[in-house]
């Protein structure tokens, strides 16, 4: 497991909270220090996406393209063709949202070694409202052939994901959040593209068991729900899936073999995201009941981040209520 101390800390105020986009900025700067081929492009959101750390360190390897996400994707593909390793960053609603065709055709179809960073994803962007809340981005990116899709859970994992993306040969999408979110991993926690990790494991005393598969910054909410459910007699194992494509099917097989029901949790539409990916695998290879927890065919709306998570049933009590209803 990532950290055995989580069951003591997860429901207390002592958990550190940091935006996971900070980890991207730190990882990008470190990647630039390690490899001079790494370059960065941004669509007028250098500070918001934390690309400023790289821009300040390597001004000659940074390009500010302005509010032109489609152009940014095309420029990055050209730079990759010349041997560079470009990272392009904007809000996820605009990149890959607005630039999806360029990402698909100019980057992925050409197998360009470009890394796409979608910041401020999910409903917890808050007051910005539906127009800025990317809750369809996993769906539109995982359908692109050859695209790796990552959703790190915290700032430490976001840094590791960025460094892994820099070393990976091919297009990668990394999904990031805006708000401060709990740090649930440690520097020693493993991160490998294509691998999931157990954050919390049920004990053998529960007769009712659920395997809860989570991606991104809702990992802490999943852990809180697991502790609440244990008090209600339901044993929950929390499997964190930071890599949605390729999917860790070995971990899913293990989870299915030891739990009555599988549930998925994501700050995204239940259509096309993590829940769909998990359901597709089980339906074809290892039939299992899957219950998807996420946004159910709705747009986001304005509100405070915690208020919106509660509205969509993505906080600990909402997750707990949903899982209890299954029994």
C-alpha atoms as a PDB file:
ATOM      1  CA  UNK A   1       0.000   0.000   0.000  1.00  0.00           C
ATOM      2  CA  UNK A   2       1.096   3.609  -0.537  1.00  0.00           C
ATOM      3  CA  UNK A   3       1.134   4.570   3.133  1.00  0.00           C
ATOM      4  CA  UNK A   4       0.138   2.484   6.139  1.00  0.00           C
ATOM      5  CA  UNK A   5      -0.432   5.642   8.228  1.00  0.00           C
ATOM      6  CA  UNK A   6      -3.403   6.749   6.133  1.00  0.00           C
ATOM      7  CA  UNK A   7      -6.021   5.087   8.314  1.00  0.00           C
ATOM      8  CA  UNK A   8      -4.840   7.267  11.202  1.00  0.00           C
ATOM      9  CA  UNK A   9      -4.679  10.536   9.256  1.00  0.00           C
ATOM     10  CA  UNK A  10      -7.313  10.349   6.562  1.00  0.00           C
ATOM     11  CA  UNK A  11     -10.230  11.747   8.554  1.00  0.00           C
ATOM     12  CA  UNK A  12      -8.243  14.370  10.441  1.00  0.00           C
ATOM     13  CA  UNK A  13      -7.243  17.953   9.585  1.00  0.00           C
ATOM     14  CA  UNK A  14      -3.543  17.027   9.641  1.00  0.00           C
ATOM     15  CA  UNK A  15      -3.508  15.921   6.019  1.00  0.00           C
ATOM     16  CA  UNK A  16      -1.490  18.381   3.943  1.00  0.00           C
ATOM     17  CA  UNK A  17      -3.328  19.980   1.030  1.00  0.00           C
ATOM     18  CA  UNK A  18      -1.480  21.180  -2.071  1.00  0.00           C
ATOM     19  CA  UNK A  19      -2.692  21.700  -5.666  1.00  0.00           C
ATOM     20  CA  UNK A  20      -1.431  18.791  -7.752  1.00  0.00           C
ATOM     21  CA  UNK A  21      -0.605  21.244 -10.563  1.00  0.00           C
ATOM     22  CA  UNK A  22       2.304  22.319  -8.315  1.00  0.00           C
ATOM     23  CA  UNK A  23       3.785  18.874  -8.821  1.00  0.00           C
ATOM     24  CA  UNK A  24       3.539  19.321 -12.573  1.00  0.00           C
ATOM     25  CA  UNK A  25       5.504  22.576 -12.423  1.00  0.00           C
ATOM     26  CA  UNK A  26       8.192  21.007 -10.263  1.00  0.00           C
ATOM     27  CA  UNK A  27       8.362  17.900 -12.422  1.00  0.00           C
ATOM     28  CA  UNK A  28       8.584  19.905 -15.643  1.00  0.00           C
ATOM     29  CA  UNK A  29      11.465  21.978 -14.305  1.00  0.00           C
ATOM     30  CA  UNK A  30      13.280  18.833 -13.176  1.00  0.00           C
ATOM     31  CA  UNK A  31      12.673  17.174 -16.538  1.00  0.00           C
ATOM     32  CA  UNK A  32      14.170  20.251 -18.193  1.00  0.00           C
ATOM     33  CA  UNK A  33      17.234  20.012 -15.993  1.00  0.00           C
ATOM     34  CA  UNK A  34      17.710  16.375 -16.947  1.00  0.00           C
ATOM     35  CA  UNK A  35      17.103  16.682 -20.696  1.00  0.00           C
ATOM     36  CA  UNK A  36      17.695  19.783 -22.800  1.00  0.00           C
ATOM     37  CA  UNK A  37      15.254  18.479 -25.414  1.00  0.00           C
ATOM     38  CA  UNK A  38      12.358  19.265 -23.058  1.00  0.00           C
ATOM     39  CA  UNK A  39      10.534  22.445 -24.074  1.00  0.00           C
ATOM     40  CA  UNK A  40       7.338  24.025 -22.782  1.00  0.00           C
ATOM     41  CA  UNK A  41       4.488  25.890 -24.436  1.00  0.00           C
ATOM     42  CA  UNK A  42       1.572  27.596 -22.744  1.00  0.00           C
ATOM     43  CA  UNK A  43      -1.659  29.297 -23.816  1.00  0.00           C
ATOM     44  CA  UNK A  44      -1.476  32.454 -21.708  1.00  0.00           C
ATOM     45  CA  UNK A  45      -1.898  30.572 -18.414  1.00  0.00           C
ATOM     46  CA  UNK A  46       1.707  30.210 -17.343  1.00  0.00           C
ATOM     47  CA  UNK A  47       1.134  30.847 -13.651  1.00  0.00           C
ATOM     48  CA  UNK A  48      -2.152  28.979 -13.386  1.00  0.00           C
ATOM     49  CA  UNK A  49      -0.680  25.835 -14.923  1.00  0.00           C
ATOM     50  CA  UNK A  50       2.608  26.262 -12.997  1.00  0.00           C
ATOM     51  CA  UNK A  51       4.539  26.313 -16.280  1.00  0.00           C
ATOM     52  CA  UNK A  52       6.179  29.492 -14.913  1.00  0.00           C
ATOM     53  CA  UNK A  53       8.714  27.388 -12.987  1.00  0.00           C
ATOM     54  CA  UNK A  54      10.095  26.058 -16.259  1.00  0.00           C
ATOM     55  CA  UNK A  55       9.755  29.382 -18.083  1.00  0.00           C
ATOM     56  CA  UNK A  56      11.787  31.167 -15.406  1.00  0.00           C
ATOM     57  CA  UNK A  57      14.491  28.501 -15.417  1.00  0.00           C
ATOM     58  CA  UNK A  58      14.724  28.008 -19.191  1.00  0.00           C
ATOM     59  CA  UNK A  59      13.391  31.112 -20.975  1.00  0.00           C
ATOM     60  CA  UNK A  60      15.008  30.052 -24.253  1.00  0.00           C
ATOM     61  CA  UNK A  61      13.057  26.788 -24.200  1.00  0.00           C
ATOM     62  CA  UNK A  62       9.672  28.298 -23.413  1.00  0.00           C
ATOM     63  CA  UNK A  63       7.104  29.551 -25.934  1.00  0.00           C
ATOM     64  CA  UNK A  64       4.129  31.680 -24.936  1.00  0.00           C
ATOM     65  CA  UNK A  65       1.651  31.082 -27.775  1.00  0.00           C
ATOM     66  CA  UNK A  66      -1.151  33.164 -26.280  1.00  0.00           C
ATOM     67  CA  UNK A  67      -4.817  32.183 -26.314  1.00  0.00           C
ATOM     68  CA  UNK A  68      -4.379  29.830 -29.272  1.00  0.00           C
ATOM     69  CA  UNK A  69      -4.658  26.252 -28.056  1.00  0.00           C
ATOM     70  CA  UNK A  70      -5.109  24.734 -31.518  1.00  0.00           C
ATOM     71  CA  UNK A  71      -2.005  26.502 -32.784  1.00  0.00           C
ATOM     72  CA  UNK A  72      -0.117  25.403 -29.664  1.00  0.00           C
ATOM     73  CA  UNK A  73      -0.814  21.738 -30.413  1.00  0.00           C
ATOM     74  CA  UNK A  74       0.338  22.095 -34.006  1.00  0.00           C
ATOM     75  CA  UNK A  75       3.494  24.008 -33.083  1.00  0.00           C
ATOM     76  CA  UNK A  76       4.336  21.355 -30.477  1.00  0.00           C
ATOM     77  CA  UNK A  77       3.931  18.575 -33.035  1.00  0.00           C
ATOM     78  CA  UNK A  78       6.382  20.358 -35.322  1.00  0.00           C
ATOM     79  CA  UNK A  79       8.849  20.779 -32.490  1.00  0.00           C
ATOM     80  CA  UNK A  80       8.551  17.072 -31.667  1.00  0.00           C
ATOM     81  CA  UNK A  81       9.304  16.269 -35.316  1.00  0.00           C
ATOM     82  CA  UNK A  82      12.558  18.196 -34.860  1.00  0.00           C
ATOM     83  CA  UNK A  83      13.540  16.061 -31.853  1.00  0.00           C
ATOM     84  CA  UNK A  84      12.204  18.159 -28.985  1.00  0.00           C
ATOM     85  CA  UNK A  85       9.995  16.880 -26.132  1.00  0.00           C
ATOM     86  CA  UNK A  86       7.230  19.495 -25.895  1.00  0.00           C
ATOM     87  CA  UNK A  87       4.864  19.934 -22.959  1.00  0.00           C
ATOM     88  CA  UNK A  88       1.789  22.025 -23.768  1.00  0.00           C
ATOM     89  CA  UNK A  89      -0.412  23.384 -20.985  1.00  0.00           C
ATOM     90  CA  UNK A  90      -3.750  25.114 -20.623  1.00  0.00           C
ATOM     91  CA  UNK A  91      -7.052  24.531 -18.884  1.00  0.00           C
ATOM     92  CA  UNK A  92      -8.361  21.084 -19.809  1.00  0.00           C
ATOM     93  CA  UNK A  93     -11.532  22.622 -21.209  1.00  0.00           C
ATOM     94  CA  UNK A  94      -9.415  24.345 -23.859  1.00  0.00           C
ATOM     95  CA  UNK A  95      -6.568  21.871 -24.250  1.00  0.00           C
ATOM     96  CA  UNK A  96      -7.550  19.201 -25.148  1.00  0.00           C
ATOM     97  CA  UNK A  97     -11.149  20.476 -25.234  1.00  0.00           C
ATOM     98  CA  UNK A  98     -10.826  23.182 -27.871  1.00  0.00           C
ATOM     99  CA  UNK A  99      -7.780  21.672 -29.593  1.00  0.00           C
ATOM    100  CA  UNK A 100      -8.970  18.063 -29.769  1.00  0.00           C
ATOM    101  CA  UNK A 101      -8.800  17.775 -33.552  1.00  0.00           C
ATOM    102  CA  UNK A 102      -5.215  19.030 -33.602  1.00  0.00           C
ATOM    103  CA  UNK A 103      -4.329  16.696 -30.729  1.00  0.00           C
ATOM    104  CA  UNK A 104      -5.882  13.785 -32.594  1.00  0.00           C
ATOM    105  CA  UNK A 105      -4.591  14.450 -36.103  1.00  0.00           C
ATOM    106  CA  UNK A 106      -1.457  16.569 -35.748  1.00  0.00           C
ATOM    107  CA  UNK A 107      -0.102  14.942 -32.597  1.00  0.00           C
ATOM    108  CA  UNK A 108      -1.469  11.408 -32.129  1.00  0.00           C
ATOM    109  CA  UNK A 109      -1.936  10.400 -35.770  1.00  0.00           C
ATOM    110  CA  UNK A 110       1.688  11.390 -36.392  1.00  0.00           C
ATOM    111  CA  UNK A 111       2.814   9.640 -33.191  1.00  0.00           C
ATOM    112  CA  UNK A 112       4.362  12.916 -32.063  1.00  0.00           C
ATOM    113  CA  UNK A 113       6.181  12.885 -28.752  1.00  0.00           C
ATOM    114  CA  UNK A 114       4.023  15.632 -27.221  1.00  0.00           C
ATOM    115  CA  UNK A 115       2.736  15.820 -23.638  1.00  0.00           C
ATOM    116  CA  UNK A 116      -0.643  17.512 -23.169  1.00  0.00           C
ATOM    117  CA  UNK A 117      -1.396  19.021 -19.761  1.00  0.00           C
ATOM    118  CA  UNK A 118      -5.057  19.688 -18.939  1.00  0.00           C
ATOM    119  CA  UNK A 119      -5.248  21.772 -15.776  1.00  0.00           C
ATOM    120  CA  UNK A 120      -8.297  22.858 -13.765  1.00  0.00           C
ATOM    121  CA  UNK A 121     -10.209  19.687 -14.663  1.00  0.00           C
ATOM    122  CA  UNK A 122     -13.315  18.468 -12.833  1.00  0.00           C
ATOM    123  CA  UNK A 123     -16.244  20.199 -11.132  1.00  0.00           C
ATOM    124  CA  UNK A 124     -14.082  21.384  -8.241  1.00  0.00           C
ATOM    125  CA  UNK A 125     -12.862  24.283 -10.397  1.00  0.00           C
ATOM    126  CA  UNK A 126     -15.816  25.876  -8.604  1.00  0.00           C
ATOM    127  CA  UNK A 127     -17.255  29.308  -9.397  1.00  0.00           C
ATOM    128  CA  UNK A 128     -15.871  29.274 -12.977  1.00  0.00           C
ATOM    129  CA  UNK A 129     -18.879  27.121 -13.832  1.00  0.00           C
ATOM    130  CA  UNK A 130     -19.760  24.679 -16.581  1.00  0.00           C
ATOM    131  CA  UNK A 131     -17.859  26.404 -19.385  1.00  0.00           C
ATOM    132  CA  UNK A 132     -14.556  25.887 -17.559  1.00  0.00           C
ATOM    133  CA  UNK A 133     -15.246  22.522 -15.875  1.00  0.00           C
ATOM    134  CA  UNK A 134     -13.763  19.743 -17.972  1.00  0.00           C
ATOM    135  CA  UNK A 135     -15.635  16.582 -17.024  1.00  0.00           C
ATOM    136  CA  UNK A 136     -15.441  14.951 -20.458  1.00  0.00           C
ATOM    137  CA  UNK A 137     -11.688  15.110 -21.059  1.00  0.00           C
ATOM    138  CA  UNK A 138     -10.824  11.548 -20.043  1.00  0.00           C
ATOM    139  CA  UNK A 139     -13.415  10.262 -22.512  1.00  0.00           C
ATOM    140  CA  UNK A 140     -12.181  12.282 -25.473  1.00  0.00           C
ATOM    141  CA  UNK A 141      -8.527  11.498 -24.798  1.00  0.00           C
ATOM    142  CA  UNK A 142      -8.649   7.797 -24.051  1.00  0.00           C
ATOM    143  CA  UNK A 143     -10.480   7.151 -27.331  1.00  0.00           C
ATOM    144  CA  UNK A 144      -7.500   8.489 -29.333  1.00  0.00           C
ATOM    145  CA  UNK A 145      -5.273   5.619 -30.551  1.00  0.00           C
ATOM    146  CA  UNK A 146      -1.891   5.500 -28.837  1.00  0.00           C
ATOM    147  CA  UNK A 147      -2.705   8.165 -26.237  1.00  0.00           C
ATOM    148  CA  UNK A 148      -1.609   7.533 -22.645  1.00  0.00           C
ATOM    149  CA  UNK A 149      -4.027   9.065 -20.113  1.00  0.00           C
ATOM    150  CA  UNK A 150      -2.867   9.914 -16.571  1.00  0.00           C
ATOM    151  CA  UNK A 151      -4.751  11.421 -13.611  1.00  0.00           C
ATOM    152  CA  UNK A 152      -2.406  11.753 -10.607  1.00  0.00           C
ATOM    153  CA  UNK A 153      -3.972  11.924  -7.155  1.00  0.00           C
ATOM    154  CA  UNK A 154      -1.750  14.546  -5.529  1.00  0.00           C
ATOM    155  CA  UNK A 155       1.181  16.883  -6.033  1.00  0.00           C
ATOM    156  CA  UNK A 156       3.821  14.216  -5.347  1.00  0.00           C
ATOM    157  CA  UNK A 157       2.315  11.842  -7.872  1.00  0.00           C
ATOM    158  CA  UNK A 158       1.826  14.649 -10.413  1.00  0.00           C
ATOM    159  CA  UNK A 159       5.554  15.319 -10.316  1.00  0.00           C
ATOM    160  CA  UNK A 160       6.295  11.637 -10.858  1.00  0.00           C
ATOM    161  CA  UNK A 161       3.762  11.467 -13.692  1.00  0.00           C
ATOM    162  CA  UNK A 162       5.408  14.458 -15.394  1.00  0.00           C
ATOM    163  CA  UNK A 163       8.851  12.902 -15.185  1.00  0.00           C
ATOM    164  CA  UNK A 164       7.488   9.580 -16.434  1.00  0.00           C
ATOM    165  CA  UNK A 165       5.798  11.348 -19.354  1.00  0.00           C
ATOM    166  CA  UNK A 166       9.055  13.082 -20.277  1.00  0.00           C
ATOM    167  CA  UNK A 167      10.774   9.695 -20.484  1.00  0.00           C
ATOM    168  CA  UNK A 168       7.935   8.029 -22.396  1.00  0.00           C
ATOM    169  CA  UNK A 169       8.163   8.051 -26.188  1.00  0.00           C
ATOM    170  CA  UNK A 170       4.736   9.039 -27.467  1.00  0.00           C
ATOM    171  CA  UNK A 171       1.753  11.289 -26.727  1.00  0.00           C
ATOM    172  CA  UNK A 172       0.638  11.564 -23.106  1.00  0.00           C
ATOM    173  CA  UNK A 173      -2.261  13.407 -21.488  1.00  0.00           C
ATOM    174  CA  UNK A 174      -1.992  14.447 -17.822  1.00  0.00           C
ATOM    175  CA  UNK A 175      -5.129  15.645 -16.037  1.00  0.00           C
ATOM    176  CA  UNK A 176      -4.670  18.141 -13.182  1.00  0.00           C
ATOM    177  CA  UNK A 177      -6.898  19.981 -10.711  1.00  0.00           C
ATOM    178  CA  UNK A 178      -6.921  23.595  -9.526  1.00  0.00           C
ATOM    179  CA  UNK A 179      -7.835  23.301  -5.841  1.00  0.00           C
ATOM    180  CA  UNK A 180      -5.608  22.246  -2.998  1.00  0.00           C
ATOM    181  CA  UNK A 181      -6.131  18.527  -2.479  1.00  0.00           C
ATOM    182  CA  UNK A 182      -4.881  16.112   0.185  1.00  0.00           C
ATOM    183  CA  UNK A 183      -1.429  14.594  -0.219  1.00  0.00           C
ATOM    184  CA  UNK A 184      -1.968  10.855   0.116  1.00  0.00           C
ATOM    185  CA  UNK A 185       1.248   9.467  -1.374  1.00  0.00           C
ATOM    186  CA  UNK A 186       4.863   9.794  -0.292  1.00  0.00           C
ATOM    187  CA  UNK A 187       8.146  10.233  -2.113  1.00  0.00           C
ATOM    188  CA  UNK A 188       8.654   6.485  -1.709  1.00  0.00           C
ATOM    189  CA  UNK A 189       5.307   5.584  -3.278  1.00  0.00           C
ATOM    190  CA  UNK A 190       5.649   3.782  -6.609  1.00  0.00           C
ATOM    191  CA  UNK A 191       4.514   5.288  -9.901  1.00  0.00           C
ATOM    192  CA  UNK A 192       4.674   3.482 -13.219  1.00  0.00           C
ATOM    193  CA  UNK A 193       2.687   4.178 -16.363  1.00  0.00           C
ATOM    194  CA  UNK A 194       0.154   1.355 -16.695  1.00  0.00           C
ATOM    195  CA  UNK A 195       0.159   0.357 -13.021  1.00  0.00           C
ATOM    196  CA  UNK A 196      -2.420   0.814 -10.262  1.00  0.00           C
ATOM    197  CA  UNK A 197      -1.699   0.799  -6.532  1.00  0.00           C
ATOM    198  CA  UNK A 198      -3.703  -0.265  -3.504  1.00  0.00           C
ATOM    199  CA  UNK A 199      -4.124   2.683  -1.147  1.00  0.00           C
ATOM    200  CA  UNK A 200      -6.201   0.914   1.480  1.00  0.00           C
ATOM    201  CA  UNK A 201      -7.078  -2.751   1.914  1.00  0.00           C
ATOM    202  CA  UNK A 202     -10.074  -4.296   3.654  1.00  0.00           C
ATOM    203  CA  UNK A 203      -9.529  -6.732   6.486  1.00  0.00           C
ATOM    204  CA  UNK A 204     -11.037 -10.218   6.527  1.00  0.00           C
ATOM    205  CA  UNK A 205     -13.748  -9.484   9.090  1.00  0.00           C
ATOM    206  CA  UNK A 206     -16.328  -8.069   6.675  1.00  0.00           C
ATOM    207  CA  UNK A 207     -18.859 -10.255   4.879  1.00  0.00           C
ATOM    208  CA  UNK A 208     -19.836  -7.489   2.439  1.00  0.00           C
ATOM    209  CA  UNK A 209     -16.952  -6.272   0.298  1.00  0.00           C
ATOM    210  CA  UNK A 210     -16.448  -3.615  -2.365  1.00  0.00           C
ATOM    211  CA  UNK A 211     -13.457  -2.929  -4.559  1.00  0.00           C
ATOM    212  CA  UNK A 212     -13.409   0.858  -5.061  1.00  0.00           C
ATOM    213  CA  UNK A 213     -11.388   1.962  -8.084  1.00  0.00           C
ATOM    214  CA  UNK A 214     -10.571   5.679  -8.040  1.00  0.00           C
ATOM    215  CA  UNK A 215      -8.562   8.022 -10.208  1.00  0.00           C
ATOM    216  CA  UNK A 216      -7.225  11.514  -9.669  1.00  0.00           C
ATOM    217  CA  UNK A 217      -7.772  13.839  -6.748  1.00  0.00           C
ATOM    218  CA  UNK A 218     -10.786  11.987  -5.303  1.00  0.00           C
ATOM    219  CA  UNK A 219      -8.430   9.389  -3.828  1.00  0.00           C
ATOM    220  CA  UNK A 220      -8.643  10.939  -0.364  1.00  0.00           C
ATOM    221  CA  UNK A 221     -12.452  11.003  -0.534  1.00  0.00           C
ATOM    222  CA  UNK A 222     -12.346   7.306  -1.372  1.00  0.00           C
ATOM    223  CA  UNK A 223     -10.152   6.629   1.640  1.00  0.00           C
ATOM    224  CA  UNK A 224     -12.481   8.549   3.939  1.00  0.00           C
ATOM    225  CA  UNK A 225     -15.440   6.592   2.559  1.00  0.00           C
ATOM    226  CA  UNK A 226     -13.604   3.299   3.112  1.00  0.00           C
ATOM    227  CA  UNK A 227     -13.183   4.091   6.808  1.00  0.00           C
ATOM    228  CA  UNK A 228     -16.823   5.155   7.156  1.00  0.00           C
ATOM    229  CA  UNK A 229     -18.015   2.016   5.388  1.00  0.00           C
ATOM    230  CA  UNK A 230     -15.913  -0.231   7.617  1.00  0.00           C
ATOM    231  CA  UNK A 231     -17.919   1.077  10.572  1.00  0.00           C
ATOM    232  CA  UNK A 232     -21.065   0.071   8.686  1.00  0.00           C
ATOM    233  CA  UNK A 233     -19.837  -3.480   8.167  1.00  0.00           C
ATOM    234  CA  UNK A 234     -18.661  -3.100   4.559  1.00  0.00           C
ATOM    235  CA  UNK A 235     -15.043  -3.918   3.761  1.00  0.00           C
ATOM    236  CA  UNK A 236     -13.572  -1.674   1.068  1.00  0.00           C
ATOM    237  CA  UNK A 237     -10.295  -1.919  -0.796  1.00  0.00           C
ATOM    238  CA  UNK A 238      -9.297   1.337  -2.489  1.00  0.00           C
ATOM    239  CA  UNK A 239      -7.425   0.797  -5.749  1.00  0.00           C
ATOM    240  CA  UNK A 240      -5.945   3.993  -7.161  1.00  0.00           C
ATOM    241  CA  UNK A 241      -5.762   4.000 -10.974  1.00  0.00           C
ATOM    242  CA  UNK A 242      -3.530   6.961 -11.908  1.00  0.00           C
ATOM    243  CA  UNK A 243      -3.165   5.543 -15.404  1.00  0.00           C
ATOM    244  CA  UNK A 244      -6.530   5.171 -17.104  1.00  0.00           C
ATOM    245  CA  UNK A 245      -4.938   4.167 -20.387  1.00  0.00           C
ATOM    246  CA  UNK A 246      -3.301   1.716 -20.516  1.00  0.00           C
ATOM    247  CA  UNK A 247      -5.443   0.106 -17.812  1.00  0.00           C
ATOM    248  CA  UNK A 248      -3.910  -2.170 -15.182  1.00  0.00           C
ATOM    249  CA  UNK A 249      -6.077  -5.200 -15.883  1.00  0.00           C
ATOM    250  CA  UNK A 250      -4.020  -7.461 -13.617  1.00  0.00           C
ATOM    251  CA  UNK A 251      -4.949  -5.292 -10.634  1.00  0.00           C
ATOM    252  CA  UNK A 252      -8.589  -5.338 -11.741  1.00  0.00           C
ATOM    253  CA  UNK A 253      -8.570  -9.147 -11.916  1.00  0.00           C
ATOM    254  CA  UNK A 254      -7.174  -9.351  -8.385  1.00  0.00           C
ATOM    255  CA  UNK A 255      -9.809  -6.942  -7.117  1.00  0.00           C
ATOM    256  CA  UNK A 256     -12.644  -8.847  -8.787  1.00  0.00           C
ATOM    257  CA  UNK A 257     -11.521 -12.133  -7.293  1.00  0.00           C
ATOM    258  CA  UNK A 258     -11.661 -10.855  -3.720  1.00  0.00           C
ATOM    259  CA  UNK A 259     -14.669  -8.485  -3.647  1.00  0.00           C
ATOM    260  CA  UNK A 260     -18.416  -8.841  -4.146  1.00  0.00           C
ATOM    261  CA  UNK A 261     -18.934  -5.625  -6.115  1.00  0.00           C
ATOM    262  CA  UNK A 262     -16.692  -3.212  -7.990  1.00  0.00           C
ATOM    263  CA  UNK A 263     -17.358   0.548  -7.796  1.00  0.00           C
ATOM    264  CA  UNK A 264     -15.541   3.289  -9.696  1.00  0.00           C
ATOM    265  CA  UNK A 265     -15.101   6.892  -8.565  1.00  0.00           C
ATOM    266  CA  UNK A 266     -14.095   9.862 -10.716  1.00  0.00           C
ATOM    267  CA  UNK A 267     -14.565  13.627 -10.970  1.00  0.00           C
ATOM    268  CA  UNK A 268     -15.805  13.151 -14.516  1.00  0.00           C
ATOM    269  CA  UNK A 269     -18.829  11.971 -16.450  1.00  0.00           C
ATOM    270  CA  UNK A 270     -19.584   8.315 -15.758  1.00  0.00           C
ATOM    271  CA  UNK A 271     -19.897   7.988 -19.541  1.00  0.00           C
ATOM    272  CA  UNK A 272     -16.567   7.415 -21.247  1.00  0.00           C
ATOM    273  CA  UNK A 273     -14.262   7.845 -18.262  1.00  0.00           C
ATOM    274  CA  UNK A 274     -12.659   5.509 -15.734  1.00  0.00           C
ATOM    275  CA  UNK A 275     -15.965   3.740 -15.017  1.00  0.00           C
ATOM    276  CA  UNK A 276     -16.482   2.989 -18.682  1.00  0.00           C
ATOM    277  CA  UNK A 277     -12.913   1.739 -19.090  1.00  0.00           C
ATOM    278  CA  UNK A 278     -13.255  -0.606 -16.113  1.00  0.00           C
ATOM    279  CA  UNK A 279     -16.707  -1.805 -17.212  1.00  0.00           C
ATOM    280  CA  UNK A 280     -15.491  -2.486 -20.744  1.00  0.00           C
ATOM    281  CA  UNK A 281     -12.702  -4.682 -19.457  1.00  0.00           C
ATOM    282  CA  UNK A 282     -14.845  -6.669 -17.038  1.00  0.00           C
ATOM    283  CA  UNK A 283     -17.673  -7.172 -19.537  1.00  0.00           C
ATOM    284  CA  UNK A 284     -15.312  -8.713 -22.076  1.00  0.00           C
ATOM    285  CA  UNK A 285     -12.788 -10.550 -19.925  1.00  0.00           C
ATOM    286  CA  UNK A 286     -14.027 -11.090 -16.379  1.00  0.00           C
ATOM    287  CA  UNK A 287     -17.780 -10.449 -15.869  1.00  0.00           C
ATOM    288  CA  UNK A 288     -18.379  -8.464 -12.690  1.00  0.00           C
ATOM    289  CA  UNK A 289     -20.955  -6.009 -11.403  1.00  0.00           C
ATOM    290  CA  UNK A 290     -19.628  -2.463 -11.707  1.00  0.00           C
ATOM    291  CA  UNK A 291     -21.294   0.587 -10.170  1.00  0.00           C
ATOM    292  CA  UNK A 292     -20.065   3.954 -11.476  1.00  0.00           C
ATOM    293  CA  UNK A 293     -19.876   6.992  -9.176  1.00  0.00           C
ATOM    294  CA  UNK A 294     -19.331  10.316 -10.920  1.00  0.00           C
ATOM    295  CA  UNK A 295     -21.233  13.023 -12.766  1.00  0.00           C
ATOM    296  CA  UNK A 296     -24.318  11.488 -14.354  1.00  0.00           C
ATOM    297  CA  UNK A 297     -24.886  13.089 -17.771  1.00  0.00           C
ATOM    298  CA  UNK A 298     -24.983  16.668 -16.499  1.00  0.00           C
ATOM    299  CA  UNK A 299     -22.950  19.815 -16.988  1.00  0.00           C
ATOM    300  CA  UNK A 300     -21.111  21.379 -14.090  1.00  0.00           C
ATOM    301  CA  UNK A 301     -22.273  24.578 -12.440  1.00  0.00           C
ATOM    302  CA  UNK A 302     -20.980  27.441 -10.313  1.00  0.00           C
ATOM    303  CA  UNK A 303     -20.328  26.907  -6.621  1.00  0.00           C
ATOM    304  CA  UNK A 304     -17.628  26.367  -4.052  1.00  0.00           C
ATOM    305  CA  UNK A 305     -15.517  23.254  -4.739  1.00  0.00           C
ATOM    306  CA  UNK A 306     -16.650  21.276  -1.681  1.00  0.00           C
ATOM    307  CA  UNK A 307     -20.240  22.311  -2.306  1.00  0.00           C
ATOM    308  CA  UNK A 308     -20.068  20.989  -5.868  1.00  0.00           C
ATOM    309  CA  UNK A 309     -18.440  17.704  -4.847  1.00  0.00           C
ATOM    310  CA  UNK A 310     -21.246  17.223  -2.332  1.00  0.00           C
ATOM    311  CA  UNK A 311     -23.884  18.101  -4.937  1.00  0.00           C
ATOM    312  CA  UNK A 312     -22.622  15.398  -7.290  1.00  0.00           C
ATOM    313  CA  UNK A 313     -22.187  12.829  -4.511  1.00  0.00           C
ATOM    314  CA  UNK A 314     -18.403  12.795  -4.774  1.00  0.00           C
ATOM    315  CA  UNK A 315     -17.548  13.556  -1.137  1.00  0.00           C
ATOM    316  CA  UNK A 316     -17.021  10.838   1.467  1.00  0.00           C
ATOM    317  CA  UNK A 317     -20.601  10.710   2.758  1.00  0.00           C
ATOM    318  CA  UNK A 318     -22.058  10.644  -0.756  1.00  0.00           C
ATOM    319  CA  UNK A 319     -19.762   7.783  -1.756  1.00  0.00           C
ATOM    320  CA  UNK A 320     -20.635   5.951   1.455  1.00  0.00           C
ATOM    321  CA  UNK A 321     -24.373   6.391   0.879  1.00  0.00           C
ATOM    322  CA  UNK A 322     -24.124   5.118  -2.689  1.00  0.00           C
ATOM    323  CA  UNK A 323     -22.167   2.002  -1.744  1.00  0.00           C
ATOM    324  CA  UNK A 324     -24.437   1.194   1.212  1.00  0.00           C
ATOM    325  CA  UNK A 325     -27.416   1.351  -1.141  1.00  0.00           C
ATOM    326  CA  UNK A 326     -25.937  -1.544  -3.124  1.00  0.00           C
ATOM    327  CA  UNK A 327     -26.532  -3.859  -0.168  1.00  0.00           C
END
